[in-house]
Amino acid sequence: MVKGINRQVLELSDTGSRYFEKALFFVKPEFSRESEAVLRKSALRAIDSGLSVPKSKKAKVKHNIAIFAEMLLSAGAGAVITALIIK
């Protein structure tokens, strides 16, 4: 249900969580004319994603470098173990 006079609030009664019975979403003024279906769909996606905050580009790059370094170290360790066994 979308309600409000000065601000629109979308209230979801079924959050899909055993811990929370309701969720309230305050609609940004520039999206106040969107249909309730669009707002509800977006709210459900937000709930499903756990309201995670997107990582900054710098954090993504650091994460990717860390994964690459782990893979490189694993490959190196595998090569060393293989060399020791074959030798």
N, C-alpha and C. Protein backbone atom coordinates (compact mmCIF):
# COMPACT_ATOMS: atom_id res chain seq x y z
N MET A 1 0.84 -1.17 0.00
CA MET A 1 0.00 0.00 0.00
C MET A 1 0.89 1.24 0.00
N VAL A 2 0.66 2.15 -0.93
CA VAL A 2 1.38 3.42 -0.97
C VAL A 2 0.51 4.44 -0.29
N LYS A 3 1.08 5.11 0.70
CA LYS A 3 0.27 6.12 1.40
C LYS A 3 1.15 7.29 1.80
N GLY A 4 0.53 8.38 2.14
CA GLY A 4 1.25 9.55 2.61
C GLY A 4 0.76 10.80 1.92
N ILE A 5 0.97 11.92 2.58
CA ILE A 5 0.55 13.20 2.01
C ILE A 5 1.79 13.94 1.50
N ASN A 6 2.74 14.20 2.39
CA ASN A 6 3.95 14.90 2.00
C ASN A 6 5.02 13.95 1.47
N ARG A 7 5.02 12.74 1.97
CA ARG A 7 5.98 11.72 1.53
C ARG A 7 5.22 10.45 1.26
N GLN A 8 5.65 9.75 0.24
CA GLN A 8 5.02 8.46 -0.03
C GLN A 8 5.80 7.37 0.68
N VAL A 9 5.05 6.47 1.30
CA VAL A 9 5.64 5.35 2.01
C VAL A 9 5.03 4.07 1.47
N LEU A 10 5.90 3.13 1.14
CA LEU A 10 5.44 1.82 0.68
C LEU A 10 5.62 0.86 1.85
N GLU A 11 4.54 0.24 2.28
CA GLU A 11 4.55 -0.68 3.41
C GLU A 11 4.37 -2.10 2.89
N LEU A 12 5.35 -2.94 3.16
CA LEU A 12 5.26 -4.35 2.77
C LEU A 12 5.01 -5.17 4.03
N SER A 13 3.90 -5.88 4.04
CA SER A 13 3.56 -6.69 5.20
C SER A 13 4.23 -8.06 5.16
N ASP A 14 4.51 -8.55 3.97
CA ASP A 14 5.15 -9.86 3.85
C ASP A 14 6.58 -9.66 3.39
N THR A 15 7.52 -9.71 4.34
CA THR A 15 8.92 -9.49 4.01
C THR A 15 9.64 -10.76 3.61
N GLY A 16 9.03 -11.91 3.84
CA GLY A 16 9.68 -13.16 3.53
C GLY A 16 10.71 -13.56 4.59
N SER A 17 10.73 -12.84 5.69
CA SER A 17 11.68 -13.12 6.76
C SER A 17 10.93 -13.55 8.00
N ARG A 18 11.50 -14.49 8.72
CA ARG A 18 10.85 -14.91 9.96
C ARG A 18 11.11 -13.92 11.08
N TYR A 19 12.03 -13.00 10.88
CA TYR A 19 12.39 -12.03 11.91
C TYR A 19 11.61 -10.73 11.81
N PHE A 20 11.20 -10.36 10.60
CA PHE A 20 10.54 -9.06 10.39
C PHE A 20 9.15 -9.26 9.81
N GLU A 21 8.17 -8.57 10.39
CA GLU A 21 6.81 -8.72 9.89
C GLU A 21 6.44 -7.64 8.89
N LYS A 22 7.08 -6.46 8.94
CA LYS A 22 6.78 -5.37 8.02
C LYS A 22 8.05 -4.65 7.63
N ALA A 23 8.01 -4.03 6.46
CA ALA A 23 9.10 -3.18 6.00
C ALA A 23 8.49 -1.90 5.45
N LEU A 24 9.08 -0.77 5.79
CA LEU A 24 8.62 0.53 5.30
C LEU A 24 9.68 1.10 4.38
N PHE A 25 9.25 1.54 3.20
CA PHE A 25 10.14 2.17 2.24
C PHE A 25 9.65 3.58 1.98
N PHE A 26 10.53 4.56 2.17
CA PHE A 26 10.18 5.95 1.89
C PHE A 26 10.60 6.25 0.46
N VAL A 27 9.62 6.59 -0.36
CA VAL A 27 9.84 6.80 -1.79
C VAL A 27 10.46 8.17 -2.01
N LYS A 28 11.52 8.19 -2.83
CA LYS A 28 12.15 9.46 -3.18
C LYS A 28 11.14 10.31 -3.95
N PRO A 29 11.14 11.61 -3.73
CA PRO A 29 10.15 12.48 -4.39
C PRO A 29 10.14 12.36 -5.91
N GLU A 30 11.31 12.17 -6.53
CA GLU A 30 11.35 12.09 -8.00
C GLU A 30 10.71 10.82 -8.54
N PHE A 31 10.46 9.83 -7.68
CA PHE A 31 9.82 8.59 -8.11
C PHE A 31 8.41 8.44 -7.55
N SER A 32 7.86 9.50 -7.02
CA SER A 32 6.55 9.41 -6.38
C SER A 32 5.42 9.12 -7.36
N ARG A 33 5.64 9.35 -8.64
CA ARG A 33 4.60 9.11 -9.64
C ARG A 33 4.68 7.70 -10.25
N GLU A 34 5.66 6.91 -9.81
CA GLU A 34 5.78 5.53 -10.31
C GLU A 34 4.59 4.71 -9.82
N SER A 35 4.27 3.69 -10.56
CA SER A 35 3.14 2.85 -10.16
C SER A 35 3.52 2.04 -8.92
N GLU A 36 2.51 1.63 -8.20
CA GLU A 36 2.74 0.85 -6.98
C GLU A 36 3.42 -0.48 -7.32
N ALA A 37 3.08 -1.05 -8.47
CA ALA A 37 3.69 -2.33 -8.87
C ALA A 37 5.20 -2.19 -9.06
N VAL A 38 5.62 -1.10 -9.70
CA VAL A 38 7.05 -0.87 -9.92
C VAL A 38 7.76 -0.66 -8.59
N LEU A 39 7.15 0.13 -7.72
CA LEU A 39 7.75 0.40 -6.41
C LEU A 39 7.83 -0.88 -5.58
N ARG A 40 6.76 -1.67 -5.61
CA ARG A 40 6.73 -2.93 -4.84
C ARG A 40 7.81 -3.89 -5.35
N LYS A 41 7.95 -3.99 -6.66
CA LYS A 41 8.95 -4.88 -7.25
C LYS A 41 10.36 -4.45 -6.83
N SER A 42 10.62 -3.16 -6.86
CA SER A 42 11.92 -2.63 -6.46
C SER A 42 12.18 -2.87 -4.97
N ALA A 43 11.14 -2.69 -4.17
CA ALA A 43 11.27 -2.92 -2.72
C ALA A 43 11.57 -4.38 -2.42
N LEU A 44 10.90 -5.28 -3.11
CA LEU A 44 11.15 -6.71 -2.90
C LEU A 44 12.57 -7.09 -3.32
N ARG A 45 13.05 -6.48 -4.40
CA ARG A 45 14.45 -6.73 -4.81
C ARG A 45 15.41 -6.24 -3.74
N ALA A 46 15.10 -5.08 -3.14
CA ALA A 46 15.96 -4.54 -2.09
C ALA A 46 15.98 -5.46 -0.88
N ILE A 47 14.84 -6.00 -0.54
CA ILE A 47 14.77 -6.93 0.59
C ILE A 47 15.56 -8.20 0.27
N ASP A 48 15.38 -8.72 -0.94
CA ASP A 48 16.07 -9.95 -1.34
C ASP A 48 17.58 -9.77 -1.34
N SER A 49 18.04 -8.59 -1.72
CA SER A 49 19.48 -8.37 -1.79
C SER A 49 20.07 -8.05 -0.42
N GLY A 50 19.23 -7.98 0.59
CA GLY A 50 19.73 -7.69 1.94
C GLY A 50 20.11 -6.23 2.11
N LEU A 51 19.62 -5.41 1.22
CA LEU A 51 19.92 -3.99 1.25
C LEU A 51 21.41 -3.74 1.26
N SER A 52 22.15 -4.53 0.52
CA SER A 52 23.59 -4.37 0.47
C SER A 52 23.96 -3.08 -0.24
N VAL A 53 25.01 -2.47 0.25
CA VAL A 53 25.51 -1.23 -0.33
C VAL A 53 26.51 -1.58 -1.42
N PRO A 54 26.35 -1.03 -2.60
CA PRO A 54 27.29 -1.36 -3.66
C PRO A 54 28.71 -0.95 -3.29
N LYS A 55 29.68 -1.77 -3.67
CA LYS A 55 31.07 -1.46 -3.38
C LYS A 55 31.55 -0.36 -4.31
N SER A 56 32.49 0.43 -3.81
CA SER A 56 33.09 1.45 -4.65
C SER A 56 34.01 0.77 -5.66
N LYS A 57 34.41 1.48 -6.68
CA LYS A 57 35.29 0.91 -7.71
C LYS A 57 36.62 0.51 -7.09
N LYS A 58 37.11 1.31 -6.17
CA LYS A 58 38.39 1.02 -5.53
C LYS A 58 38.30 -0.28 -4.73
N ALA A 59 37.20 -0.48 -4.04
CA ALA A 59 37.01 -1.70 -3.25
C ALA A 59 36.90 -2.92 -4.17
N LYS A 60 36.23 -2.75 -5.32
CA LYS A 60 36.11 -3.85 -6.28
C LYS A 60 37.48 -4.24 -6.84
N VAL A 61 38.30 -3.23 -7.16
CA VAL A 61 39.63 -3.50 -7.69
C VAL A 61 40.47 -4.24 -6.66
N LYS A 62 40.42 -3.78 -5.40
CA LYS A 62 41.17 -4.45 -4.33
C LYS A 62 40.71 -5.90 -4.17
N HIS A 63 39.43 -6.11 -4.24
CA HIS A 63 38.87 -7.46 -4.10
C HIS A 63 39.35 -8.35 -5.25
N ASN A 64 39.32 -7.82 -6.46
CA ASN A 64 39.77 -8.59 -7.62
C ASN A 64 41.25 -8.91 -7.54
N ILE A 65 42.06 -7.96 -7.07
CA ILE A 65 43.49 -8.19 -6.91
C ILE A 65 43.73 -9.28 -5.86
N ALA A 66 42.98 -9.24 -4.78
CA ALA A 66 43.13 -10.26 -3.74
C ALA A 66 42.79 -11.65 -4.27
N ILE A 67 41.73 -11.75 -5.05
CA ILE A 67 41.35 -13.04 -5.63
C ILE A 67 42.44 -13.52 -6.59
N PHE A 68 42.97 -12.63 -7.43
CA PHE A 68 44.03 -13.00 -8.36
C PHE A 68 45.27 -13.47 -7.61
N ALA A 69 45.63 -12.77 -6.53
CA ALA A 69 46.80 -13.15 -5.74
C ALA A 69 46.60 -14.53 -5.11
N GLU A 70 45.42 -14.80 -4.61
CA GLU A 70 45.13 -16.13 -4.03
C GLU A 70 45.26 -17.22 -5.09
N MET A 71 44.74 -16.96 -6.26
CA MET A 71 44.82 -17.95 -7.34
C MET A 71 46.28 -18.18 -7.76
N LEU A 72 47.04 -17.11 -7.84
CA LEU A 72 48.45 -17.20 -8.23
C LEU A 72 49.24 -17.99 -7.19
N LEU A 73 49.00 -17.70 -5.90
CA LEU A 73 49.68 -18.43 -4.84
C LEU A 73 49.29 -19.91 -4.83
N SER A 74 48.03 -20.19 -5.07
CA SER A 74 47.58 -21.59 -5.12
C SER A 74 48.23 -22.33 -6.28
N ALA A 75 48.30 -21.69 -7.42
CA ALA A 75 48.94 -22.32 -8.58
C ALA A 75 50.42 -22.55 -8.31
N GLY A 76 51.08 -21.58 -7.69
CA GLY A 76 52.50 -21.72 -7.36
C GLY A 76 52.73 -22.85 -6.38
N ALA A 77 51.89 -22.93 -5.36
CA ALA A 77 52.01 -24.01 -4.37
C ALA A 77 51.78 -25.36 -5.03
N GLY A 78 50.83 -25.44 -5.91
CA GLY A 78 50.58 -26.69 -6.63
C GLY A 78 51.76 -27.08 -7.50
N ALA A 79 52.39 -26.10 -8.14
CA ALA A 79 53.56 -26.38 -8.98
C ALA A 79 54.72 -26.87 -8.13
N VAL A 80 54.94 -26.26 -6.98
CA VAL A 80 56.03 -26.67 -6.09
C VAL A 80 55.79 -28.10 -5.58
N ILE A 81 54.59 -28.39 -5.16
CA ILE A 81 54.26 -29.74 -4.66
C ILE A 81 54.45 -30.77 -5.78
N THR A 82 53.99 -30.45 -6.96
CA THR A 82 54.15 -31.36 -8.09
C THR A 82 55.63 -31.58 -8.41
N ALA A 83 56.42 -30.52 -8.39
CA ALA A 83 57.85 -30.64 -8.65
C ALA A 83 58.55 -31.51 -7.62
N LEU A 84 58.15 -31.38 -6.36
CA LEU A 84 58.74 -32.19 -5.29
C LEU A 84 58.38 -33.66 -5.42
N ILE A 85 57.16 -33.93 -5.83
CA ILE A 85 56.70 -35.32 -5.98
C ILE A 85 57.39 -35.97 -7.18
N ILE A 86 57.50 -35.27 -8.28
CA ILE A 86 58.09 -35.82 -9.48
C ILE A 86 59.59 -36.00 -9.31
N LYS A 87 60.24 -35.13 -8.59
CA LYS A 87 61.69 -35.16 -8.39
C LYS A 87 62.07 -36.36 -7.65
